[in-house]
Amino acid sequence: MDRLVRAACMDIISTLPVSPEARASAYRVLASLPGMRAEGEVTDPLGRRGQALGYRAEVGPGVFSDFRLVVDPGNGLPLTKIQTYVTRLADGRQVEISHSTSYRTIGWTDERPGPFARTD
């Protein structure tokens, strides 16, 4: 059940158009879940400073994923979500594969979205 609650809270914070009060409630629920950790101030892939929240979850037999959410402490909005898969190969070497989603702006609009710009 913790996994489902954690996923729902992460969706509320990072993907749904909710009020600041709803987002704050999701942060409070996350803080109460086992395994959640405050990771302190970090720099996201776009060079912005924020506070990181993280947790590790087993996503398959012997495959773990580290999740990190970097948040702007001034307004509580997410800056970046980072997910890193960690597993061991048959020869014992550890492998990590990461991907991230960074948010430049978040808010309401009446404009149609344009094409996505890829930034590496």
PDB file of N, CA and C in Angstrom:
ATOM      1  N   MET A   1       0.814  -1.197   0.000  1.00  0.00           N
ATOM      2  CA  MET A   1       0.000   0.000   0.000  1.00  0.00           C
ATOM      3  C   MET A   1       0.863   1.268   0.000  1.00  0.00           C
ATOM      4  N   ASP A   2       2.010   1.211   0.722  1.00  0.00           N
ATOM      5  CA  ASP A   2       2.890   2.386   0.757  1.00  0.00           C
ATOM      6  C   ASP A   2       3.332   2.779  -0.650  1.00  0.00           C
ATOM      7  N   ARG A   3       3.605   1.775  -1.483  1.00  0.00           N
ATOM      8  CA  ARG A   3       4.057   2.038  -2.847  1.00  0.00           C
ATOM      9  C   ARG A   3       3.003   2.813  -3.631  1.00  0.00           C
ATOM     10  N   LEU A   4       1.747   2.425  -3.485  1.00  0.00           N
ATOM     11  CA  LEU A   4       0.665   3.098  -4.205  1.00  0.00           C
ATOM     12  C   LEU A   4       0.447   4.516  -3.697  1.00  0.00           C
ATOM     13  N   VAL A   5       0.499   4.692  -2.387  1.00  0.00           N
ATOM     14  CA  VAL A   5       0.327   6.029  -1.807  1.00  0.00           C
ATOM     15  C   VAL A   5       1.473   6.934  -2.246  1.00  0.00           C
ATOM     16  N   ARG A   6       2.706   6.402  -2.219  1.00  0.00           N
ATOM     17  CA  ARG A   6       3.878   7.187  -2.628  1.00  0.00           C
ATOM     18  C   ARG A   6       3.738   7.614  -4.089  1.00  0.00           C
ATOM     19  N   ALA A   7       3.345   6.687  -4.964  1.00  0.00           N
ATOM     20  CA  ALA A   7       3.178   7.008  -6.387  1.00  0.00           C
ATOM     21  C   ALA A   7       2.093   8.059  -6.597  1.00  0.00           C
ATOM     22  N   ALA A   8       0.996   7.944  -5.869  1.00  0.00           N
ATOM     23  CA  ALA A   8      -0.091   8.923  -6.000  1.00  0.00           C
ATOM     24  C   ALA A   8       0.369  10.313  -5.555  1.00  0.00           C
ATOM     25  N   CYS A   9       1.113  10.366  -4.463  1.00  0.00           N
ATOM     26  CA  CYS A   9       1.624  11.659  -3.979  1.00  0.00           C
ATOM     27  C   CYS A   9       2.600  12.272  -4.971  1.00  0.00           C
ATOM     28  N   MET A  10       3.470  11.451  -5.543  1.00  0.00           N
ATOM     29  CA  MET A  10       4.422  11.970  -6.531  1.00  0.00           C
ATOM     30  C   MET A  10       3.682  12.502  -7.756  1.00  0.00           C
ATOM     31  N   ASP A  11       2.603  11.843  -8.165  1.00  0.00           N
ATOM     32  CA  ASP A  11       1.797  12.335  -9.285  1.00  0.00           C
ATOM     33  C   ASP A  11       1.131  13.664  -8.938  1.00  0.00           C
ATOM     34  N   ILE A  12       0.597  13.770  -7.734  1.00  0.00           N
ATOM     35  CA  ILE A  12      -0.047  15.018  -7.311  1.00  0.00           C
ATOM     36  C   ILE A  12       0.956  16.162  -7.356  1.00  0.00           C
ATOM     37  N   ILE A  13       2.161  15.900  -6.871  1.00  0.00           N
ATOM     38  CA  ILE A  13       3.179  16.949  -6.803  1.00  0.00           C
ATOM     39  C   ILE A  13       3.705  17.324  -8.184  1.00  0.00           C
ATOM     40  N   SER A  14       3.918  16.329  -9.048  1.00  0.00           N
ATOM     41  CA  SER A  14       4.663  16.622 -10.268  1.00  0.00           C
ATOM     42  C   SER A  14       3.881  16.570 -11.574  1.00  0.00           C
ATOM     43  N   THR A  15       2.674  16.045 -11.582  1.00  0.00           N
ATOM     44  CA  THR A  15       1.990  15.922 -12.876  1.00  0.00           C
ATOM     45  C   THR A  15       0.571  16.476 -12.909  1.00  0.00           C
ATOM     46  N   LEU A  16      -0.010  16.786 -11.773  1.00  0.00           N
ATOM     47  CA  LEU A  16      -1.402  17.226 -11.773  1.00  0.00           C
ATOM     48  C   LEU A  16      -1.511  18.716 -11.454  1.00  0.00           C
ATOM     49  N   PRO A  17      -2.463  19.401 -12.077  1.00  0.00           N
ATOM     50  CA  PRO A  17      -2.661  20.821 -11.781  1.00  0.00           C
ATOM     51  C   PRO A  17      -3.464  20.997 -10.485  1.00  0.00           C
ATOM     52  N   VAL A  18      -2.763  21.012  -9.361  1.00  0.00           N
ATOM     53  CA  VAL A  18      -3.428  21.088  -8.063  1.00  0.00           C
ATOM     54  C   VAL A  18      -3.068  22.393  -7.371  1.00  0.00           C
ATOM     55  N   SER A  19      -3.831  22.711  -6.339  1.00  0.00           N
ATOM     56  CA  SER A  19      -3.578  23.916  -5.557  1.00  0.00           C
ATOM     57  C   SER A  19      -2.329  23.722  -4.695  1.00  0.00           C
ATOM     58  N   PRO A  20      -1.728  24.820  -4.251  1.00  0.00           N
ATOM     59  CA  PRO A  20      -0.587  24.702  -3.336  1.00  0.00           C
ATOM     60  C   PRO A  20      -0.946  23.922  -2.068  1.00  0.00           C
ATOM     61  N   GLU A  21      -2.186  24.037  -1.619  1.00  0.00           N
ATOM     62  CA  GLU A  21      -2.612  23.313  -0.420  1.00  0.00           C
ATOM     63  C   GLU A  21      -2.624  21.808  -0.658  1.00  0.00           C
ATOM     64  N   ALA A  22      -3.103  21.385  -1.826  1.00  0.00           N
ATOM     65  CA  ALA A  22      -3.122  19.948  -2.159  1.00  0.00           C
ATOM     66  C   ALA A  22      -1.698  19.420  -2.284  1.00  0.00           C
ATOM     67  N   ARG A  23      -0.826  20.215  -2.904  1.00  0.00           N
ATOM     68  CA  ARG A  23       0.574  19.800  -3.036  1.00  0.00           C
ATOM     69  C   ARG A  23       1.219  19.679  -1.653  1.00  0.00           C
ATOM     70  N   ALA A  24       0.945  20.635  -0.768  1.00  0.00           N
ATOM     71  CA  ALA A  24       1.496  20.587   0.592  1.00  0.00           C
ATOM     72  C   ALA A  24       1.009  19.339   1.330  1.00  0.00           C
ATOM     73  N   SER A  25      -0.245  18.966   1.138  1.00  0.00           N
ATOM     74  CA  SER A  25      -0.767  17.748   1.767  1.00  0.00           C
ATOM     75  C   SER A  25      -0.035  16.516   1.246  1.00  0.00           C
ATOM     76  N   ALA A  26       0.242  16.483  -0.053  1.00  0.00           N
ATOM     77  CA  ALA A  26       0.964  15.348  -0.627  1.00  0.00           C
ATOM     78  C   ALA A  26       2.370  15.259  -0.033  1.00  0.00           C
ATOM     79  N   TYR A  27       3.033  16.401   0.174  1.00  0.00           N
ATOM     80  CA  TYR A  27       4.355  16.389   0.807  1.00  0.00           C
ATOM     81  C   TYR A  27       4.277  15.845   2.233  1.00  0.00           C
ATOM     82  N   ARG A  28       3.251  16.225   2.969  1.00  0.00           N
ATOM     83  CA  ARG A  28       3.106  15.738   4.350  1.00  0.00           C
ATOM     84  C   ARG A  28       2.885  14.227   4.371  1.00  0.00           C
ATOM     85  N   VAL A  29       2.077  13.709   3.453  1.00  0.00           N
ATOM     86  CA  VAL A  29       1.858  12.263   3.380  1.00  0.00           C
ATOM     87  C   VAL A  29       3.166  11.560   3.030  1.00  0.00           C
ATOM     88  N   LEU A  30       3.901  12.079   2.041  1.00  0.00           N
ATOM     89  CA  LEU A  30       5.191  11.478   1.680  1.00  0.00           C
ATOM     90  C   LEU A  30       6.125  11.415   2.880  1.00  0.00           C
ATOM     91  N   ALA A  31       6.181  12.498   3.644  1.00  0.00           N
ATOM     92  CA  ALA A  31       7.089  12.549   4.797  1.00  0.00           C
ATOM     93  C   ALA A  31       6.757  11.489   5.836  1.00  0.00           C
ATOM     94  N   SER A  32       5.513  11.042   5.869  1.00  0.00           N
ATOM     95  CA  SER A  32       5.099  10.049   6.863  1.00  0.00           C
ATOM     96  C   SER A  32       5.373   8.607   6.423  1.00  0.00           C
ATOM     97  N   LEU A  33       5.743   8.401   5.172  1.00  0.00           N
ATOM     98  CA  LEU A  33       5.928   7.045   4.654  1.00  0.00           C
ATOM     99  C   LEU A  33       7.312   6.500   4.989  1.00  0.00           C
ATOM    100  N   PRO A  34       7.392   5.205   5.289  1.00  0.00           N
ATOM    101  CA  PRO A  34       8.705   4.613   5.582  1.00  0.00           C
ATOM    102  C   PRO A  34       9.605   4.641   4.355  1.00  0.00           C
ATOM    103  N   GLY A  35      10.876   4.874   4.586  1.00  0.00           N
ATOM    104  CA  GLY A  35      11.846   4.860   3.502  1.00  0.00           C
ATOM    105  C   GLY A  35      12.059   6.190   2.809  1.00  0.00           C
ATOM    106  N   MET A  36      11.188   7.167   3.061  1.00  0.00           N
ATOM    107  CA  MET A  36      11.387   8.493   2.471  1.00  0.00           C
ATOM    108  C   MET A  36      12.531   9.169   3.206  1.00  0.00           C
ATOM    109  N   ARG A  37      13.357   9.896   2.474  1.00  0.00           N
ATOM    110  CA  ARG A  37      14.459  10.589   3.116  1.00  0.00           C
ATOM    111  C   ARG A  37      14.625  11.987   2.516  1.00  0.00           C
ATOM    112  N   ALA A  38      14.957  12.922   3.384  1.00  0.00           N
ATOM    113  CA  ALA A  38      15.321  14.265   2.943  1.00  0.00           C
ATOM    114  C   ALA A  38      16.808  14.214   2.615  1.00  0.00           C
ATOM    115  N   GLU A  39      17.178  14.609   1.408  1.00  0.00           N
ATOM    116  CA  GLU A  39      18.568  14.514   0.967  1.00  0.00           C
ATOM    117  C   GLU A  39      19.284  15.850   0.967  1.00  0.00           C
ATOM    118  N   GLY A  40      18.594  16.902   1.396  1.00  0.00           N
ATOM    119  CA  GLY A  40      19.232  18.208   1.487  1.00  0.00           C
ATOM    120  C   GLY A  40      19.303  18.934   0.157  1.00  0.00           C
ATOM    121  N   GLU A  41      20.134  19.955   0.121  1.00  0.00           N
ATOM    122  CA  GLU A  41      20.245  20.796  -1.064  1.00  0.00           C
ATOM    123  C   GLU A  41      21.088  20.101  -2.137  1.00  0.00           C
ATOM    124  N   VAL A  42      20.574  20.106  -3.358  1.00  0.00           N
ATOM    125  CA  VAL A  42      21.261  19.503  -4.504  1.00  0.00           C
ATOM    126  C   VAL A  42      21.113  20.432  -5.709  1.00  0.00           C
ATOM    127  N   THR A  43      21.857  20.129  -6.751  1.00  0.00           N
ATOM    128  CA  THR A  43      21.740  20.847  -8.018  1.00  0.00           C
ATOM    129  C   THR A  43      21.111  19.906  -9.030  1.00  0.00           C
ATOM    130  N   ASP A  44      20.076  20.369  -9.724  1.00  0.00           N
ATOM    131  CA  ASP A  44      19.415  19.514 -10.704  1.00  0.00           C
ATOM    132  C   ASP A  44      20.173  19.555 -12.035  1.00  0.00           C
ATOM    133  N   PRO A  45      19.775  18.745 -13.025  1.00  0.00           N
ATOM    134  CA  PRO A  45      20.489  18.702 -14.304  1.00  0.00           C
ATOM    135  C   PRO A  45      20.521  20.037 -15.056  1.00  0.00           C
ATOM    136  N   LEU A  46      19.635  20.961 -14.727  1.00  0.00           N
ATOM    137  CA  LEU A  46      19.631  22.279 -15.370  1.00  0.00           C
ATOM    138  C   LEU A  46      20.422  23.310 -14.565  1.00  0.00           C
ATOM    139  N   GLY A  47      21.082  22.860 -13.490  1.00  0.00           N
ATOM    140  CA  GLY A  47      21.920  23.763 -12.696  1.00  0.00           C
ATOM    141  C   GLY A  47      21.193  24.544 -11.619  1.00  0.00           C
ATOM    142  N   ARG A  48      19.939  24.198 -11.347  1.00  0.00           N
ATOM    143  CA  ARG A  48      19.159  24.914 -10.326  1.00  0.00           C
ATOM    144  C   ARG A  48      19.319  24.233  -8.975  1.00  0.00           C
ATOM    145  N   ARG A  49      19.351  25.024  -7.924  1.00  0.00           N
ATOM    146  CA  ARG A  49      19.460  24.490  -6.569  1.00  0.00           C
ATOM    147  C   ARG A  49      18.066  24.223  -6.017  1.00  0.00           C
ATOM    148  N   GLY A  50      17.927  23.094  -5.314  1.00  0.00           N
ATOM    149  CA  GLY A  50      16.654  22.750  -4.701  1.00  0.00           C
ATOM    150  C   GLY A  50      16.860  21.731  -3.602  1.00  0.00           C
ATOM    151  N   GLN A  51      15.800  21.425  -2.897  1.00  0.00           N
ATOM    152  CA  GLN A  51      15.816  20.408  -1.848  1.00  0.00           C
ATOM    153  C   GLN A  51      15.361  19.087  -2.450  1.00  0.00           C
ATOM    154  N   ALA A  52      16.071  18.012  -2.099  1.00  0.00           N
ATOM    155  CA  ALA A  52      15.766  16.708  -2.683  1.00  0.00           C
ATOM    156  C   ALA A  52      15.082  15.796  -1.678  1.00  0.00           C
ATOM    157  N   LEU A  53      14.097  15.059  -2.174  1.00  0.00           N
ATOM    158  CA  LEU A  53      13.436  13.981  -1.448  1.00  0.00           C
ATOM    159  C   LEU A  53      13.751  12.707  -2.209  1.00  0.00           C
ATOM    160  N   GLY A  54      13.997  11.615  -1.499  1.00  0.00           N
ATOM    161  CA  GLY A  54      14.328  10.392  -2.204  1.00  0.00           C
ATOM    162  C   GLY A  54      13.817   9.152  -1.512  1.00  0.00           C
ATOM    163  N   TYR A  55      13.775   8.072  -2.272  1.00  0.00           N
ATOM    164  CA  TYR A  55      13.446   6.757  -1.726  1.00  0.00           C
ATOM    165  C   TYR A  55      13.933   5.699  -2.698  1.00  0.00           C
ATOM    166  N   ARG A  56      14.057   4.486  -2.214  1.00  0.00           N
ATOM    167  CA  ARG A  56      14.455   3.337  -3.035  1.00  0.00           C
ATOM    168  C   ARG A  56      13.312   2.339  -3.014  1.00  0.00           C
ATOM    169  N   ALA A  57      13.031   1.761  -4.189  1.00  0.00           N
ATOM    170  CA  ALA A  57      11.974   0.758  -4.301  1.00  0.00           C
ATOM    171  C   ALA A  57      12.469  -0.406  -5.157  1.00  0.00           C
ATOM    172  N   GLU A  58      12.053  -1.601  -4.798  1.00  0.00           N
ATOM    173  CA  GLU A  58      12.355  -2.767  -5.630  1.00  0.00           C
ATOM    174  C   GLU A  58      11.310  -2.817  -6.734  1.00  0.00           C
ATOM    175  N   VAL A  59      11.761  -2.697  -7.977  1.00  0.00           N
ATOM    176  CA  VAL A  59      10.846  -2.656  -9.115  1.00  0.00           C
ATOM    177  C   VAL A  59      10.791  -3.982  -9.855  1.00  0.00           C
ATOM    178  N   GLY A  60      11.606  -4.914  -9.433  1.00  0.00           N
ATOM    179  CA  GLY A  60      11.637  -6.253 -10.007  1.00  0.00           C
ATOM    180  C   GLY A  60      12.571  -7.097  -9.161  1.00  0.00           C
ATOM    181  N   PRO A  61      12.572  -8.390  -9.352  1.00  0.00           N
ATOM    182  CA  PRO A  61      13.456  -9.238  -8.553  1.00  0.00           C
ATOM    183  C   PRO A  61      14.926  -8.834  -8.729  1.00  0.00           C
ATOM    184  N   GLY A  62      15.514  -8.330  -7.670  1.00  0.00           N
ATOM    185  CA  GLY A  62      16.914  -7.919  -7.702  1.00  0.00           C
ATOM    186  C   GLY A  62      17.180  -6.617  -8.426  1.00  0.00           C
ATOM    187  N   VAL A  63      16.137  -5.925  -8.852  1.00  0.00           N
ATOM    188  CA  VAL A  63      16.290  -4.644  -9.547  1.00  0.00           C
ATOM    189  C   VAL A  63      15.672  -3.559  -8.676  1.00  0.00           C
ATOM    190  N   PHE A  64      16.495  -2.588  -8.322  1.00  0.00           N
ATOM    191  CA  PHE A  64      16.040  -1.505  -7.465  1.00  0.00           C
ATOM    192  C   PHE A  64      16.047  -0.204  -8.246  1.00  0.00           C
ATOM    193  N   SER A  65      15.216   0.714  -7.812  1.00  0.00           N
ATOM    194  CA  SER A  65      15.172   2.018  -8.438  1.00  0.00           C
ATOM    195  C   SER A  65      15.244   3.074  -7.345  1.00  0.00           C
ATOM    196  N   ASP A  66      16.154   4.012  -7.532  1.00  0.00           N
ATOM    197  CA  ASP A  66      16.243   5.163  -6.639  1.00  0.00           C
ATOM    198  C   ASP A  66      15.481   6.306  -7.282  1.00  0.00           C
ATOM    199  N   PHE A  67      14.551   6.872  -6.539  1.00  0.00           N
ATOM    200  CA  PHE A  67      13.750   7.989  -7.011  1.00  0.00           C
ATOM    201  C   PHE A  67      14.178   9.235  -6.246  1.00  0.00           C
ATOM    202  N   ARG A  68      14.332  10.345  -6.962  1.00  0.00           N
ATOM    203  CA  ARG A  68      14.673  11.614  -6.319  1.00  0.00           C
ATOM    204  C   ARG A  68      13.805  12.697  -6.939  1.00  0.00           C
ATOM    205  N   LEU A  69      13.213  13.501  -6.085  1.00  0.00           N
ATOM    206  CA  LEU A  69      12.434  14.651  -6.517  1.00  0.00           C
ATOM    207  C   LEU A  69      13.137  15.883  -5.984  1.00  0.00           C
ATOM    208  N   VAL A  70      13.526  16.782  -6.890  1.00  0.00           N
ATOM    209  CA  VAL A  70      14.170  18.034  -6.499  1.00  0.00           C
ATOM    210  C   VAL A  70      13.104  19.118  -6.545  1.00  0.00           C
ATOM    211  N   VAL A  71      12.966  19.829  -5.422  1.00  0.00           N
ATOM    212  CA  VAL A  71      11.872  20.783  -5.239  1.00  0.00           C
ATOM    213  C   VAL A  71      12.424  22.184  -4.994  1.00  0.00           C
ATOM    214  N   ASP A  72      11.763  23.177  -5.570  1.00  0.00           N
ATOM    215  CA  ASP A  72      12.092  24.574  -5.285  1.00  0.00           C
ATOM    216  C   ASP A  72      11.556  24.885  -3.893  1.00  0.00           C
ATOM    217  N   PRO A  73      12.424  25.159  -2.918  1.00  0.00           N
ATOM    218  CA  PRO A  73      11.938  25.384  -1.550  1.00  0.00           C
ATOM    219  C   PRO A  73      11.126  26.667  -1.397  1.00  0.00           C
ATOM    220  N   GLY A  74      11.252  27.587  -2.346  1.00  0.00           N
ATOM    221  CA  GLY A  74      10.511  28.840  -2.261  1.00  0.00           C
ATOM    222  C   GLY A  74       9.033  28.708  -2.545  1.00  0.00           C
ATOM    223  N   ASN A  75       8.676  27.791  -3.458  1.00  0.00           N
ATOM    224  CA  ASN A  75       7.264  27.675  -3.820  1.00  0.00           C
ATOM    225  C   ASN A  75       6.736  26.235  -3.782  1.00  0.00           C
ATOM    226  N   GLY A  76       7.599  25.263  -3.493  1.00  0.00           N
ATOM    227  CA  GLY A  76       7.164  23.873  -3.384  1.00  0.00           C
ATOM    228  C   GLY A  76       6.945  23.160  -4.704  1.00  0.00           C
ATOM    229  N   LEU A  77       7.247  23.826  -5.809  1.00  0.00           N
ATOM    230  CA  LEU A  77       7.047  23.195  -7.117  1.00  0.00           C
ATOM    231  C   LEU A  77       8.239  22.314  -7.466  1.00  0.00           C
ATOM    232  N   PRO A  78       7.987  21.226  -8.173  1.00  0.00           N
ATOM    233  CA  PRO A  78       9.091  20.340  -8.551  1.00  0.00           C
ATOM    234  C   PRO A  78       9.975  20.993  -9.613  1.00  0.00           C
ATOM    235  N   LEU A  79      11.281  20.760  -9.482  1.00  0.00           N
ATOM    236  CA  LEU A  79      12.228  21.180 -10.502  1.00  0.00           C
ATOM    237  C   LEU A  79      12.579  20.003 -11.407  1.00  0.00           C
ATOM    238  N   THR A  80      12.829  18.837 -10.796  1.00  0.00           N
ATOM    239  CA  THR A  80      13.273  17.665 -11.542  1.00  0.00           C
ATOM    240  C   THR A  80      12.873  16.383 -10.835  1.00  0.00           C
ATOM    241  N   LYS A  81      12.519  15.360 -11.624  1.00  0.00           N
ATOM    242  CA  LYS A  81      12.358  13.989 -11.128  1.00  0.00           C
ATOM    243  C   LYS A  81      13.476  13.168 -11.745  1.00  0.00           C
ATOM    244  N   ILE A  82      14.175  12.413 -10.914  1.00  0.00           N
ATOM    245  CA  ILE A  82      15.263  11.567 -11.397  1.00  0.00           C
ATOM    246  C   ILE A  82      15.000  10.144 -10.930  1.00  0.00           C
ATOM    247  N   GLN A  83      15.117   9.199 -11.847  1.00  0.00           N
ATOM    248  CA  GLN A  83      14.955   7.793 -11.502  1.00  0.00           C
ATOM    249  C   GLN A  83      16.201   7.050 -11.965  1.00  0.00           C
ATOM    250  N   THR A  84      16.800   6.282 -11.060  1.00  0.00           N
ATOM    251  CA  THR A  84      17.999   5.518 -11.362  1.00  0.00           C
ATOM    252  C   THR A  84      17.743   4.053 -11.043  1.00  0.00           C
ATOM    253  N   TYR A  85      17.873   3.192 -12.060  1.00  0.00           N
ATOM    254  CA  TYR A  85      17.734   1.748 -11.871  1.00  0.00           C
ATOM    255  C   TYR A  85      19.097   1.177 -11.507  1.00  0.00           C
ATOM    256  N   VAL A  86      19.114   0.320 -10.496  1.00  0.00           N
ATOM    257  CA  VAL A  86      20.357  -0.271 -10.019  1.00  0.00           C
ATOM    258  C   VAL A  86      20.189  -1.787  -9.964  1.00  0.00           C
ATOM    259  N   THR A  87      21.111  -2.505 -10.594  1.00  0.00           N
ATOM    260  CA  THR A  87      21.096  -3.968 -10.542  1.00  0.00           C
ATOM    261  C   THR A  87      22.523  -4.486 -10.693  1.00  0.00           C
ATOM    262  N   ARG A  88      22.691  -5.763 -10.490  1.00  0.00           N
ATOM    263  CA  ARG A  88      24.003  -6.402 -10.667  1.00  0.00           C
ATOM    264  C   ARG A  88      23.935  -7.331 -11.875  1.00  0.00           C
ATOM    265  N   LEU A  89      25.000  -7.312 -12.651  1.00  0.00           N
ATOM    266  CA  LEU A  89      25.121  -8.213 -13.788  1.00  0.00           C
ATOM    267  C   LEU A  89      25.585  -9.582 -13.305  1.00  0.00           C
ATOM    268  N   ALA A  90      25.530 -10.559 -14.178  1.00  0.00           N
ATOM    269  CA  ALA A  90      25.931 -11.924 -13.821  1.00  0.00           C
ATOM    270  C   ALA A  90      27.380 -11.979 -13.352  1.00  0.00           C
ATOM    271  N   ASP A  91      28.231 -11.077 -13.862  1.00  0.00           N
ATOM    272  CA  ASP A  91      29.636 -11.081 -13.457  1.00  0.00           C
ATOM    273  C   ASP A  91      29.882 -10.284 -12.171  1.00  0.00           C
ATOM    274  N   GLY A  92      28.806  -9.776 -11.548  1.00  0.00           N
ATOM    275  CA  GLY A  92      28.924  -9.077 -10.278  1.00  0.00           C
ATOM    276  C   GLY A  92      29.034  -7.567 -10.369  1.00  0.00           C
ATOM    277  N   ARG A  93      29.255  -7.041 -11.576  1.00  0.00           N
ATOM    278  CA  ARG A  93      29.341  -5.586 -11.717  1.00  0.00           C
ATOM    279  C   ARG A  93      27.973  -4.950 -11.480  1.00  0.00           C
ATOM    280  N   GLN A  94      27.979  -3.791 -10.824  1.00  0.00           N
ATOM    281  CA  GLN A  94      26.737  -3.044 -10.607  1.00  0.00           C
ATOM    282  C   GLN A  94      26.497  -2.125 -11.791  1.00  0.00           C
ATOM    283  N   VAL A  95      25.264  -2.051 -12.227  1.00  0.00           N
ATOM    284  CA  VAL A  95      24.874  -1.206 -13.349  1.00  0.00           C
ATOM    285  C   VAL A  95      23.834  -0.207 -12.871  1.00  0.00           C
ATOM    286  N   GLU A  96      23.990   1.047 -13.282  1.00  0.00           N
ATOM    287  CA  GLU A  96      23.014   2.092 -12.986  1.00  0.00           C
ATOM    288  C   GLU A  96      22.601   2.762 -14.290  1.00  0.00           C
ATOM    289  N   ILE A  97      21.296   2.902 -14.486  1.00  0.00           N
ATOM    290  CA  ILE A  97      20.751   3.588 -15.654  1.00  0.00           C
ATOM    291  C   ILE A  97      19.794   4.646 -15.123  1.00  0.00           C
ATOM    292  N   SER A  98      20.023   5.894 -15.518  1.00  0.00           N
ATOM    293  CA  SER A  98      19.204   6.998 -15.007  1.00  0.00           C
ATOM    294  C   SER A  98      18.462   7.709 -16.125  1.00  0.00           C
ATOM    295  N   HIS A  99      17.343   8.284 -15.748  1.00  0.00           N
ATOM    296  CA  HIS A  99      16.650   9.225 -16.626  1.00  0.00           C
ATOM    297  C   HIS A  99      15.992  10.269 -15.747  1.00  0.00           C
ATOM    298  N   SER A 100      15.772  11.445 -16.329  1.00  0.00           N
ATOM    299  CA  SER A 100      15.186  12.526 -15.541  1.00  0.00           C
ATOM    300  C   SER A 100      14.216  13.343 -16.378  1.00  0.00           C
ATOM    301  N   THR A 101      13.326  14.010 -15.678  1.00  0.00           N
ATOM    302  CA  THR A 101      12.406  14.967 -16.274  1.00  0.00           C
ATOM    303  C   THR A 101      12.571  16.258 -15.506  1.00  0.00           C
ATOM    304  N   SER A 102      12.914  17.340 -16.217  1.00  0.00           N
ATOM    305  CA  SER A 102      13.069  18.647 -15.575  1.00  0.00           C
ATOM    306  C   SER A 102      11.930  19.554 -16.019  1.00  0.00           C
ATOM    307  N   TYR A 103      11.475  20.361 -15.094  1.00  0.00           N
ATOM    308  CA  TYR A 103      10.357  21.267 -15.354  1.00  0.00           C
ATOM    309  C   TYR A 103      10.890  22.693 -15.394  1.00  0.00           C
ATOM    310  N   ARG A 104      10.737  23.357 -16.534  1.00  0.00           N
ATOM    311  CA  ARG A 104      11.173  24.755 -16.643  1.00  0.00           C
ATOM    312  C   ARG A 104      10.119  25.688 -16.062  1.00  0.00           C
ATOM    313  N   THR A 105       8.863  25.421 -16.373  1.00  0.00           N
ATOM    314  CA  THR A 105       7.757  26.196 -15.816  1.00  0.00           C
ATOM    315  C   THR A 105       6.597  25.245 -15.569  1.00  0.00           C
ATOM    316  N   ILE A 106       5.817  25.583 -14.567  1.00  0.00           N
ATOM    317  CA  ILE A 106       4.620  24.812 -14.255  1.00  0.00           C
ATOM    318  C   ILE A 106       3.519  25.812 -13.972  1.00  0.00           C
ATOM    319  N   GLY A 107       2.375  25.618 -14.570  1.00  0.00           N
ATOM    320  CA  GLY A 107       1.269  26.519 -14.303  1.00  0.00           C
ATOM    321  C   GLY A 107       0.143  26.330 -15.298  1.00  0.00           C
ATOM    322  N   TRP A 108      -0.894  27.105 -15.104  1.00  0.00           N
ATOM    323  CA  TRP A 108      -2.068  27.045 -15.958  1.00  0.00           C
ATOM    324  C   TRP A 108      -1.818  27.860 -17.215  1.00  0.00           C
ATOM    325  N   THR A 109      -2.446  27.459 -18.310  1.00  0.00           N
ATOM    326  CA  THR A 109      -2.346  28.206 -19.555  1.00  0.00           C
ATOM    327  C   THR A 109      -3.571  27.944 -20.411  1.00  0.00           C
ATOM    328  N   ASP A 110      -3.849  28.882 -21.289  1.00  0.00           N
ATOM    329  CA  ASP A 110      -4.891  28.696 -22.295  1.00  0.00           C
ATOM    330  C   ASP A 110      -4.265  28.448 -23.664  1.00  0.00           C
ATOM    331  N   GLU A 111      -2.933  28.416 -23.726  1.00  0.00           N
ATOM    332  CA  GLU A 111      -2.228  28.221 -24.984  1.00  0.00           C
ATOM    333  C   GLU A 111      -2.082  26.741 -25.309  1.00  0.00           C
ATOM    334  N   ARG A 112      -2.091  26.443 -26.608  1.00  0.00           N
ATOM    335  CA  ARG A 112      -1.852  25.062 -27.048  1.00  0.00           C
ATOM    336  C   ARG A 112      -0.372  24.753 -26.889  1.00  0.00           C
ATOM    337  N   PRO A 113      -0.049  23.529 -26.494  1.00  0.00           N
ATOM    338  CA  PRO A 113       1.375  23.193 -26.366  1.00  0.00           C
ATOM    339  C   PRO A 113       2.050  23.134 -27.725  1.00  0.00           C
ATOM    340  N   GLY A 114       3.313  23.512 -27.748  1.00  0.00           N
ATOM    341  CA  GLY A 114       4.105  23.423 -28.960  1.00  0.00           C
ATOM    342  C   GLY A 114       4.912  22.139 -28.954  1.00  0.00           C
ATOM    343  N   PRO A 115       5.747  21.954 -29.949  1.00  0.00           N
ATOM    344  CA  PRO A 115       6.582  20.745 -29.974  1.00  0.00           C
ATOM    345  C   PRO A 115       7.596  20.795 -28.841  1.00  0.00           C
ATOM    346  N   PHE A 116       7.953  19.617 -28.340  1.00  0.00           N
ATOM    347  CA  PHE A 116       8.937  19.526 -27.274  1.00  0.00           C
ATOM    348  C   PHE A 116      10.317  19.819 -27.847  1.00  0.00           C
ATOM    349  N   ALA A 117      11.112  20.515 -27.083  1.00  0.00           N
ATOM    350  CA  ALA A 117      12.494  20.768 -27.457  1.00  0.00           C
ATOM    351  C   ALA A 117      13.379  19.828 -26.680  1.00  0.00           C
ATOM    352  N   ARG A 118      14.219  19.113 -27.350  1.00  0.00           N
ATOM    353  CA  ARG A 118      15.121  18.182 -26.683  1.00  0.00           C
ATOM    354  C   ARG A 118      16.365  18.928 -26.242  1.00  0.00           C
ATOM    355  N   THR A 119      16.710  18.770 -24.970  1.00  0.00           N
ATOM    356  CA  THR A 119      17.937  19.366 -24.436  1.00  0.00           C
ATOM    357  C   THR A 119      18.750  18.255 -23.804  1.00  0.00           C
ATOM    358  N   ASP A 120      19.958  18.100 -24.244  1.00  0.00           N
ATOM    359  CA  ASP A 120      20.831  17.052 -23.692  1.00  0.00           C
ATOM    360  C   ASP A 120      21.929  17.669 -22.869  1.00  0.00           C
TER     361      ASP A 120
END
